[in-house]
Amino acid sequence: MKTLNLLILFLFSALFAFTLNAHHAATATFDVDLDMEIEGFVREFSFRNPHITIKLDVLNEDRELVEWTATAPAVAGFRRWGWTAEMIEPGQYVRLVGRKSRHGGPMILIENPDINGGRLLEIDPNDGSLIRVLEGPKPDQTPDVDVPPLKLSNGLPNLNGTYLAIAGGSDLNIRTTPQFSDIGQALQNNWDPTQDPAYTECATQGTIRVIDAIQSVRVTQREDYVIIAQETNNSQRLIYLDDRAPSSSEHTILGHSTGYYDGDAFVVETSNLLASPVNGRGNILSDQTTIVERYSRADDDENSALSVDITYTDPVNLSAPWKGGWRKLRINDYEFADTECYLPDRG
């Protein structure tokens, strides 16, 4: 019973955190207070990160077919709500509910209440009768009960495994409020989520943006390196343990990372990063940013877990170091979703 209660708390925390993050960015792009219903034949169903996408042909008032796009949360949330990559197929006729784009383009935003509330339907185009509600059995995503050893055979901390995007506590992510410099505050004041390159250009998300995302993480430890894979964009960070210098002074979205073990923790230090927002709410960090991540086991009485403490230091955009972090539960037999970004239709 204790495990069940914890899982309910974890799942609620995950959904609550997603709703806050998504809603904040969505208000600038979609009219979140106005429901809109569309129906048509499915052209494409993309069960991929960063967002589930459904494209369908909708007959407008002039009896012309217009391609509409329905965008929705990432794969991790949909899996919890019982969806799979086979939930919808091209040629099926569906009725969807969402929020319409403020730009006037043929695009809607589907949110958690639509998905969980039985509002997404497959119907018969001939008579409008219901074929099925678009929902499935909730998958068993119970975190592993077996807790692996805390140490590897060589005495180093055992961090190997996949850790699900569900965390203990009141929030998936733990982050203090950033203390901006005047430069950083000006950038934040002018931040427009509708112009976020990750949204407008499908720009690749780098280290600054993915290390604290609400997605699953996989750690693979080897003798001379560690791989940290992120479900956010299927990226794999190769972190060597020999303190090697960067091959050039060039700054990139991944930056240059080195790692070392410190007691029961694995520490990653990253520099040579391009300037980037931390998430869809902005919080832009400059190319002088350095990041320190400290990974360690964070087990409780029943589950194995991984936690990370993150410190962002930016002498340009921040007036003091910025702290963040998360805790996620270990799970077996979990496959990362593929990543394929779709550009928004602005009309």
Protein backbone atom coordinates (compact mmCIF):
# COMPACT_ATOMS: atom_id res chain seq x y z
CA MET A 1 0.00 0.00 0.00
CA LYS A 2 2.87 2.36 0.80
CA THR A 3 4.32 1.78 -2.67
CA LEU A 4 0.94 2.42 -4.32
CA ASN A 5 0.46 5.68 -2.43
CA LEU A 6 3.95 6.82 -3.38
CA LEU A 7 3.32 6.00 -7.05
CA ILE A 8 0.07 7.96 -7.03
CA LEU A 9 1.93 10.94 -5.54
CA PHE A 10 4.74 10.58 -8.09
CA LEU A 11 2.33 10.41 -11.05
CA PHE A 12 0.35 13.41 -9.81
CA SER A 13 3.58 15.36 -9.38
CA ALA A 14 4.65 14.50 -12.93
CA LEU A 15 1.35 15.57 -14.47
CA PHE A 16 1.20 18.74 -12.35
CA ALA A 17 4.72 19.76 -13.31
CA PHE A 18 4.04 19.13 -16.99
CA THR A 19 0.82 21.16 -16.88
CA LEU A 20 2.60 24.16 -15.34
CA ASN A 21 5.46 24.10 -17.84
CA ALA A 22 3.30 23.50 -20.90
CA HIS A 23 0.61 25.99 -19.91
CA HIS A 24 3.10 28.79 -19.36
CA ALA A 25 4.49 28.56 -22.89
CA ALA A 26 1.14 27.66 -24.47
CA THR A 27 -0.65 30.84 -23.44
CA ALA A 28 1.44 32.91 -25.85
CA THR A 29 0.84 30.55 -28.75
CA PHE A 30 -2.69 29.21 -28.19
CA ASP A 31 -5.91 30.63 -26.78
CA VAL A 32 -5.94 28.29 -23.77
CA ASP A 33 -9.36 29.55 -22.57
CA LEU A 34 -11.25 28.60 -25.73
CA ASP A 35 -12.01 25.03 -26.80
CA MET A 36 -12.09 24.18 -30.48
CA GLU A 37 -13.21 20.95 -32.12
CA ILE A 38 -11.93 19.62 -35.44
CA GLU A 39 -12.54 16.35 -37.28
CA GLY A 40 -11.13 14.73 -40.36
CA PHE A 41 -9.14 11.88 -41.85
CA VAL A 42 -5.75 11.23 -40.30
CA ARG A 43 -2.82 11.87 -42.61
CA GLU A 44 -0.03 11.18 -40.15
CA PHE A 45 0.39 10.25 -36.50
CA SER A 46 3.81 10.95 -34.98
CA PHE A 47 4.34 9.25 -31.63
CA ARG A 48 7.67 10.98 -31.11
CA ASN A 49 9.29 13.62 -28.92
CA PRO A 50 9.35 16.52 -28.36
CA HIS A 51 5.56 16.52 -28.96
CA ILE A 52 2.97 14.03 -30.15
CA THR A 53 1.61 15.28 -33.49
CA ILE A 54 -1.55 14.35 -35.39
CA LYS A 55 -2.04 15.71 -38.91
CA LEU A 56 -5.48 15.41 -40.49
CA ASP A 57 -7.47 16.65 -43.48
CA VAL A 58 -10.37 18.82 -42.34
CA LEU A 59 -13.21 19.94 -44.60
CA ASN A 60 -13.69 23.71 -44.17
CA GLU A 61 -16.83 25.80 -44.69
CA ASP A 62 -16.06 26.12 -48.39
CA ARG A 63 -15.93 22.32 -48.71
CA GLU A 64 -12.17 22.45 -49.23
CA LEU A 65 -9.73 20.10 -47.54
CA VAL A 66 -7.27 21.86 -45.22
CA GLU A 67 -4.44 20.12 -43.40
CA TRP A 68 -4.64 20.72 -39.66
CA THR A 69 -2.07 19.85 -37.02
CA ALA A 70 -2.84 18.83 -33.46
CA THR A 71 0.16 19.09 -31.16
CA ALA A 72 0.24 17.62 -27.68
CA PRO A 73 2.52 16.62 -24.77
CA ALA A 74 5.62 14.46 -25.12
CA VAL A 75 5.63 10.68 -25.35
CA ALA A 76 6.29 10.04 -21.65
CA GLY A 77 2.96 11.55 -20.65
CA PHE A 78 1.00 9.76 -23.38
CA ARG A 79 2.45 6.42 -22.34
CA ARG A 80 1.15 7.01 -18.84
CA TRP A 81 -2.27 7.72 -20.35
CA GLY A 82 -2.30 4.41 -22.24
CA TRP A 83 -1.29 5.52 -25.73
CA THR A 84 1.09 3.67 -28.06
CA ALA A 85 2.50 4.32 -31.53
CA GLU A 86 -0.39 2.23 -32.93
CA MET A 87 -3.16 4.24 -31.28
CA ILE A 88 -4.06 6.07 -34.51
CA GLU A 89 -3.43 5.09 -38.14
CA PRO A 90 -3.63 7.06 -41.40
CA GLY A 91 -7.10 6.94 -42.95
CA GLN A 92 -8.99 6.82 -39.68
CA TYR A 93 -11.55 9.55 -39.05
CA VAL A 94 -11.11 11.33 -35.71
CA ARG A 95 -12.64 14.16 -33.73
CA LEU A 96 -10.19 16.16 -31.62
CA VAL A 97 -10.60 18.92 -29.06
CA GLY A 98 -7.94 21.51 -28.29
CA ARG A 99 -6.97 25.17 -28.18
CA LYS A 100 -6.60 27.12 -31.44
CA SER A 101 -3.40 28.88 -32.44
CA ARG A 102 -3.37 32.63 -31.83
CA HIS A 103 -1.57 33.07 -35.15
CA GLY A 104 -4.65 31.94 -37.07
CA GLY A 105 -2.97 28.90 -38.57
CA PRO A 106 -4.69 25.50 -38.76
CA MET A 107 -3.23 24.17 -35.53
CA ILE A 108 -4.58 23.20 -32.09
CA LEU A 109 -3.03 22.30 -28.76
CA ILE A 110 -4.30 19.14 -27.03
CA GLU A 111 -3.82 19.17 -23.26
CA ASN A 112 -4.04 16.68 -20.41
CA PRO A 113 -7.79 17.17 -19.65
CA ASP A 114 -8.62 16.41 -23.30
CA ILE A 115 -6.57 13.22 -23.28
CA ASN A 116 -7.63 11.98 -19.87
CA GLY A 117 -11.21 13.20 -20.19
CA GLY A 118 -12.29 10.95 -23.06
CA ARG A 119 -12.67 13.88 -25.47
CA LEU A 120 -10.58 12.45 -28.32
CA LEU A 121 -12.63 10.10 -30.48
CA GLU A 122 -12.57 7.94 -33.59
CA ILE A 123 -15.94 8.23 -35.31
CA ASP A 124 -17.68 6.90 -38.41
CA PRO A 125 -17.50 9.63 -41.09
CA ASN A 126 -20.74 8.38 -42.66
CA ASP A 127 -23.08 8.84 -39.73
CA GLY A 128 -20.96 10.34 -36.93
CA SER A 129 -21.40 7.33 -34.69
CA LEU A 130 -18.71 6.49 -32.13
CA ILE A 131 -16.19 3.81 -33.04
CA ARG A 132 -13.99 4.19 -29.95
CA VAL A 133 -12.63 6.63 -27.45
CA LEU A 134 -8.93 7.24 -28.12
CA GLU A 135 -7.54 5.79 -24.92
CA GLY A 136 -5.79 2.61 -23.90
CA PRO A 137 -4.99 0.56 -20.83
CA LYS A 138 -2.62 2.31 -18.50
CA PRO A 139 0.81 0.64 -18.74
CA ASP A 140 2.58 -0.86 -15.78
CA GLN A 141 5.35 1.64 -15.11
CA THR A 142 5.97 0.48 -11.57
CA PRO A 143 9.54 1.37 -10.63
CA ASP A 144 11.86 -1.53 -9.96
CA VAL A 145 11.42 -3.09 -6.55
CA ASP A 146 14.82 -4.80 -6.69
CA VAL A 147 17.43 -2.32 -5.55
CA PRO A 148 20.83 -2.98 -7.19
CA PRO A 149 24.05 -2.71 -5.20
CA LEU A 150 25.16 0.80 -4.37
CA LYS A 151 28.71 0.01 -5.50
CA LEU A 152 30.23 -1.53 -8.62
CA SER A 153 32.78 -4.30 -8.25
CA ASN A 154 35.56 -1.70 -8.49
CA GLY A 155 34.14 0.27 -5.56
CA LEU A 156 32.71 3.15 -7.61
CA PRO A 157 29.06 4.23 -7.17
CA ASN A 158 26.65 2.13 -9.22
CA LEU A 159 24.57 4.57 -11.31
CA ASN A 160 23.85 2.25 -14.24
CA GLY A 161 20.25 2.04 -15.40
CA THR A 162 17.26 3.84 -16.84
CA TYR A 163 15.44 6.30 -14.63
CA LEU A 164 11.84 7.15 -15.34
CA ALA A 165 10.48 10.68 -15.61
CA ILE A 166 8.67 10.34 -12.30
CA ALA A 167 10.26 11.73 -9.18
CA GLY A 168 9.65 11.90 -5.47
CA GLY A 169 8.74 15.06 -3.64
CA SER A 170 6.42 17.85 -4.70
CA ASP A 171 7.92 18.49 -8.12
CA LEU A 172 9.86 16.68 -10.80
CA ASN A 173 12.42 19.45 -10.98
CA ILE A 174 13.98 21.34 -8.11
CA ARG A 175 15.16 24.78 -9.11
CA THR A 176 15.59 28.01 -7.22
CA THR A 177 14.67 31.33 -8.78
CA PRO A 178 17.56 32.64 -10.89
CA GLN A 179 19.23 35.84 -9.77
CA PHE A 180 19.73 37.70 -13.04
CA SER A 181 22.24 40.40 -13.74
CA ASP A 182 20.92 43.50 -15.49
CA ILE A 183 21.81 41.89 -18.82
CA GLY A 184 20.09 38.64 -17.95
CA GLN A 185 16.99 40.37 -16.62
CA ALA A 186 16.67 42.42 -19.82
CA LEU A 187 16.84 39.24 -21.88
CA GLN A 188 14.23 37.59 -19.66
CA ASN A 189 11.91 40.61 -19.87
CA ASN A 190 12.06 40.42 -23.67
CA TRP A 191 11.67 36.63 -23.89
CA ASP A 192 8.86 35.60 -26.24
CA PRO A 193 8.04 31.86 -26.10
CA THR A 194 6.42 32.06 -29.53
CA GLN A 195 9.85 32.92 -30.96
CA ASP A 196 11.67 30.11 -29.15
CA PRO A 197 13.96 28.52 -31.80
CA ALA A 198 13.11 25.08 -30.43
CA TYR A 199 9.52 25.86 -31.46
CA THR A 200 9.89 28.03 -34.55
CA GLU A 201 12.86 26.24 -36.14
CA CYS A 202 12.96 22.83 -34.44
CA ALA A 203 16.42 23.87 -33.29
CA THR A 204 18.37 21.08 -31.63
CA GLN A 205 18.29 21.33 -27.85
CA GLY A 206 21.70 21.21 -26.23
CA THR A 207 23.11 20.43 -22.80
CA ILE A 208 21.78 23.58 -21.11
CA ARG A 209 18.25 22.66 -22.11
CA VAL A 210 18.07 18.90 -21.64
CA ILE A 211 19.87 18.15 -18.39
CA ASP A 212 16.84 19.00 -16.23
CA ALA A 213 14.03 18.12 -18.67
CA ILE A 214 10.98 16.14 -17.55
CA GLN A 215 12.05 13.06 -19.49
CA SER A 216 13.78 9.79 -18.72
CA VAL A 217 17.55 9.37 -18.42
CA ARG A 218 19.85 6.39 -18.98
CA VAL A 219 23.34 6.09 -17.46
CA THR A 220 25.96 3.66 -18.78
CA GLN A 221 29.26 3.44 -16.90
CA ARG A 222 32.45 2.16 -18.51
CA GLU A 223 36.05 2.02 -17.36
CA ASP A 224 37.17 5.24 -19.03
CA TYR A 225 33.92 7.04 -19.87
CA VAL A 226 30.25 7.46 -18.93
CA ILE A 227 27.31 7.91 -21.32
CA ILE A 228 24.30 9.94 -20.16
CA ALA A 229 21.43 9.52 -22.63
CA GLN A 230 18.39 11.83 -22.54
CA GLU A 231 14.98 10.83 -23.85
CA THR A 232 14.24 14.52 -24.48
CA ASN A 233 15.96 14.44 -27.86
CA ASN A 234 17.65 11.02 -27.88
CA SER A 235 21.00 12.70 -27.25
CA GLN A 236 23.95 10.79 -25.85
CA ARG A 237 26.59 12.69 -23.93
CA LEU A 238 29.97 10.97 -24.00
CA ILE A 239 31.87 12.01 -20.88
CA TYR A 240 35.50 10.92 -20.59
CA LEU A 241 37.16 10.41 -17.23
CA ASP A 242 40.72 11.41 -18.15
CA ASP A 243 40.29 15.18 -17.77
CA ARG A 244 41.06 15.76 -21.44
CA ALA A 245 41.04 19.30 -22.77
CA PRO A 246 38.62 20.40 -25.50
CA SER A 247 39.83 19.77 -29.03
CA SER A 248 39.21 23.44 -29.92
CA SER A 249 37.98 26.68 -28.39
CA GLU A 250 34.74 26.44 -30.38
CA HIS A 251 31.49 26.65 -28.42
CA THR A 252 28.74 24.14 -29.25
CA ILE A 253 25.27 23.20 -28.01
CA LEU A 254 26.77 20.21 -26.17
CA GLY A 255 29.85 22.04 -24.89
CA HIS A 256 32.89 20.24 -23.51
CA SER A 257 32.29 17.91 -20.57
CA THR A 258 34.67 16.06 -18.31
CA GLY A 259 33.75 13.76 -15.46
CA TYR A 260 35.18 12.32 -12.28
CA TYR A 261 34.02 10.34 -9.26
CA ASP A 262 33.85 12.07 -5.90
CA GLY A 263 32.95 9.64 -3.13
CA ASP A 264 29.44 8.32 -3.85
CA ALA A 265 28.83 10.80 -6.69
CA PHE A 266 29.73 11.23 -10.35
CA VAL A 267 30.52 14.85 -11.16
CA VAL A 268 30.30 16.37 -14.66
CA GLU A 269 31.80 19.78 -15.45
CA THR A 270 30.77 21.42 -18.74
CA SER A 271 32.02 24.56 -20.48
CA ASN A 272 32.36 25.89 -24.07
CA LEU A 273 28.58 26.12 -24.44
CA LEU A 274 26.55 28.26 -26.81
CA ALA A 275 24.12 30.74 -25.28
CA SER A 276 20.73 29.11 -24.79
CA PRO A 277 17.43 29.35 -22.90
CA VAL A 278 17.11 26.72 -20.17
CA ASN A 279 13.50 25.95 -21.14
CA GLY A 280 10.41 27.35 -22.81
CA ARG A 281 10.09 30.00 -20.11
CA GLY A 282 13.37 31.57 -21.17
CA ASN A 283 16.04 31.92 -18.47
CA ILE A 284 18.72 32.52 -21.09
CA LEU A 285 22.30 31.67 -20.17
CA SER A 286 25.31 33.12 -22.02
CA ASP A 287 28.19 31.36 -23.76
CA GLN A 288 30.30 31.96 -20.64
CA THR A 289 28.17 29.52 -18.65
CA THR A 290 29.71 26.58 -16.84
CA ILE A 291 27.60 23.76 -15.42
CA VAL A 292 28.40 21.30 -12.66
CA GLU A 293 26.17 18.21 -12.37
CA ARG A 294 26.49 15.89 -9.40
CA TYR A 295 24.82 12.47 -9.93
CA SER A 296 24.24 10.08 -7.04
CA ARG A 297 21.95 7.28 -5.93
CA ALA A 298 18.93 8.48 -3.99
CA ASP A 299 17.18 5.26 -2.96
CA ASP A 300 14.34 5.04 -0.46
CA ASP A 301 13.15 1.99 1.46
CA GLU A 302 11.55 0.40 -1.58
CA ASN A 303 12.95 1.87 -4.80
CA SER A 304 16.23 2.66 -6.47
CA ALA A 305 16.55 6.24 -7.69
CA LEU A 306 18.99 8.65 -9.25
CA SER A 307 19.28 12.29 -8.29
CA VAL A 308 21.30 15.16 -9.70
CA ASP A 309 22.24 18.50 -8.23
CA ILE A 310 22.90 21.10 -10.94
CA THR A 311 24.74 24.39 -10.53
CA TYR A 312 24.70 26.92 -13.37
CA THR A 313 27.36 29.66 -13.17
CA ASP A 314 27.16 32.51 -15.66
CA PRO A 315 29.19 35.70 -15.03
CA VAL A 316 27.26 37.53 -17.75
CA ASN A 317 23.55 36.78 -17.27
CA LEU A 318 23.50 35.69 -13.60
CA SER A 319 24.55 37.61 -10.50
CA ALA A 320 24.90 34.39 -8.46
CA PRO A 321 25.11 30.63 -9.16
CA TRP A 322 21.73 29.05 -9.96
CA LYS A 323 20.79 25.72 -8.40
CA GLY A 324 18.59 22.98 -9.85
CA GLY A 325 18.13 19.25 -9.89
CA TRP A 326 15.78 16.26 -9.96
CA ARG A 327 15.16 12.72 -8.65
CA LYS A 328 13.93 9.88 -10.91
CA LEU A 329 13.09 6.23 -10.20
CA ARG A 330 14.87 3.28 -11.79
CA ILE A 331 12.87 1.09 -14.20
CA ASN A 332 13.62 -1.90 -16.42
CA ASP A 333 12.40 -2.61 -19.97
CA TYR A 334 11.84 1.02 -20.92
CA GLU A 335 12.48 2.16 -24.49
CA PHE A 336 13.14 5.79 -25.37
CA ALA A 337 10.78 7.37 -27.86
CA ASP A 338 12.07 8.55 -31.22
CA THR A 339 12.47 12.29 -31.81
CA GLU A 340 10.99 14.17 -34.76
CA CYS A 341 10.08 17.84 -34.53
CA TYR A 342 7.36 19.50 -36.59
CA LEU A 343 7.38 23.21 -37.39
CA PRO A 344 4.26 25.12 -36.24
CA ASP A 345 1.74 26.19 -38.88
CA ARG A 346 1.41 29.95 -38.46
CA GLY A 347 -1.12 30.41 -41.22
